[in-house]
């Protein structure tokens, strides 16, 4: 099984814009928040996929 998870392009564009404007702290914070959200989604997906397998 393959899955593609994304937090969307808005956060990516916001981060890129912050870096381009020289606001490196904001850019790094946006990147960190996006990473945390993505890892959280991945963990949730894994739990959701494992649950039926355990019950079966």
Protein backbone atom coordinates (compact mmCIF):
# COMPACT_ATOMS: atom_id res chain seq x y z
CA UNK A 1 0.00 0.00 0.00
CA UNK A 2 1.17 3.48 -0.83
CA UNK A 3 -0.13 6.69 0.64
CA UNK A 4 0.68 10.28 -0.14
CA UNK A 5 0.25 12.68 2.74
CA UNK A 6 0.67 16.43 2.47
CA UNK A 7 -0.03 19.47 4.58
CA UNK A 8 -0.77 21.43 1.42
CA UNK A 9 1.02 24.06 -0.53
CA UNK A 10 -0.14 27.11 1.45
CA UNK A 11 2.22 26.37 4.33
CA UNK A 12 5.02 25.62 1.88
CA UNK A 13 4.51 28.92 0.06
CA UNK A 14 4.32 30.79 3.35
CA UNK A 15 7.62 29.30 4.48
CA UNK A 16 9.31 30.05 1.16
CA UNK A 17 8.03 33.63 1.24
CA UNK A 18 9.30 34.12 4.80
CA UNK A 19 12.77 32.91 3.84
CA UNK A 20 12.76 35.10 0.71
CA UNK A 21 11.88 38.13 2.86
CA UNK A 22 14.76 37.35 5.20
CA UNK A 23 12.49 36.25 8.06
CA UNK A 24 14.40 33.05 8.74
CA UNK A 25 12.92 32.41 12.18
CA UNK A 26 9.38 32.54 10.76
CA UNK A 27 10.39 30.31 7.85
CA UNK A 28 11.94 27.74 10.17
CA UNK A 29 8.91 27.84 12.48
CA UNK A 30 6.54 27.27 9.58
CA UNK A 31 8.68 24.37 8.35
CA UNK A 32 8.75 22.85 11.84
CA UNK A 33 4.96 23.16 12.21
CA UNK A 34 4.42 21.56 8.81
CA UNK A 35 6.77 18.70 9.70
CA UNK A 36 5.00 18.12 13.02
CA UNK A 37 1.60 18.06 11.31
CA UNK A 38 2.85 15.66 8.65
CA UNK A 39 4.38 13.26 11.19
CA UNK A 40 1.15 13.37 13.19
CA UNK A 41 -0.89 12.52 10.10
CA UNK A 42 1.46 9.64 9.32
CA UNK A 43 1.09 8.19 12.82
CA UNK A 44 -2.70 8.51 12.62
CA UNK A 45 -2.79 6.78 9.25
CA UNK A 46 -0.64 3.92 10.52
CA UNK A 47 -2.97 3.42 13.51
CA UNK A 48 -6.01 3.46 11.23
CA UNK A 49 -4.48 0.90 8.89
CA UNK A 50 -3.30 -1.43 11.66
CA UNK A 51 -6.60 -1.50 13.54
CA UNK A 52 -8.54 -3.63 11.00
CA UNK A 53 -5.56 -5.94 10.63
CA UNK A 54 -5.51 -6.61 14.38
CA UNK A 55 -9.26 -7.15 14.53
CA UNK A 56 -9.34 -9.49 11.55
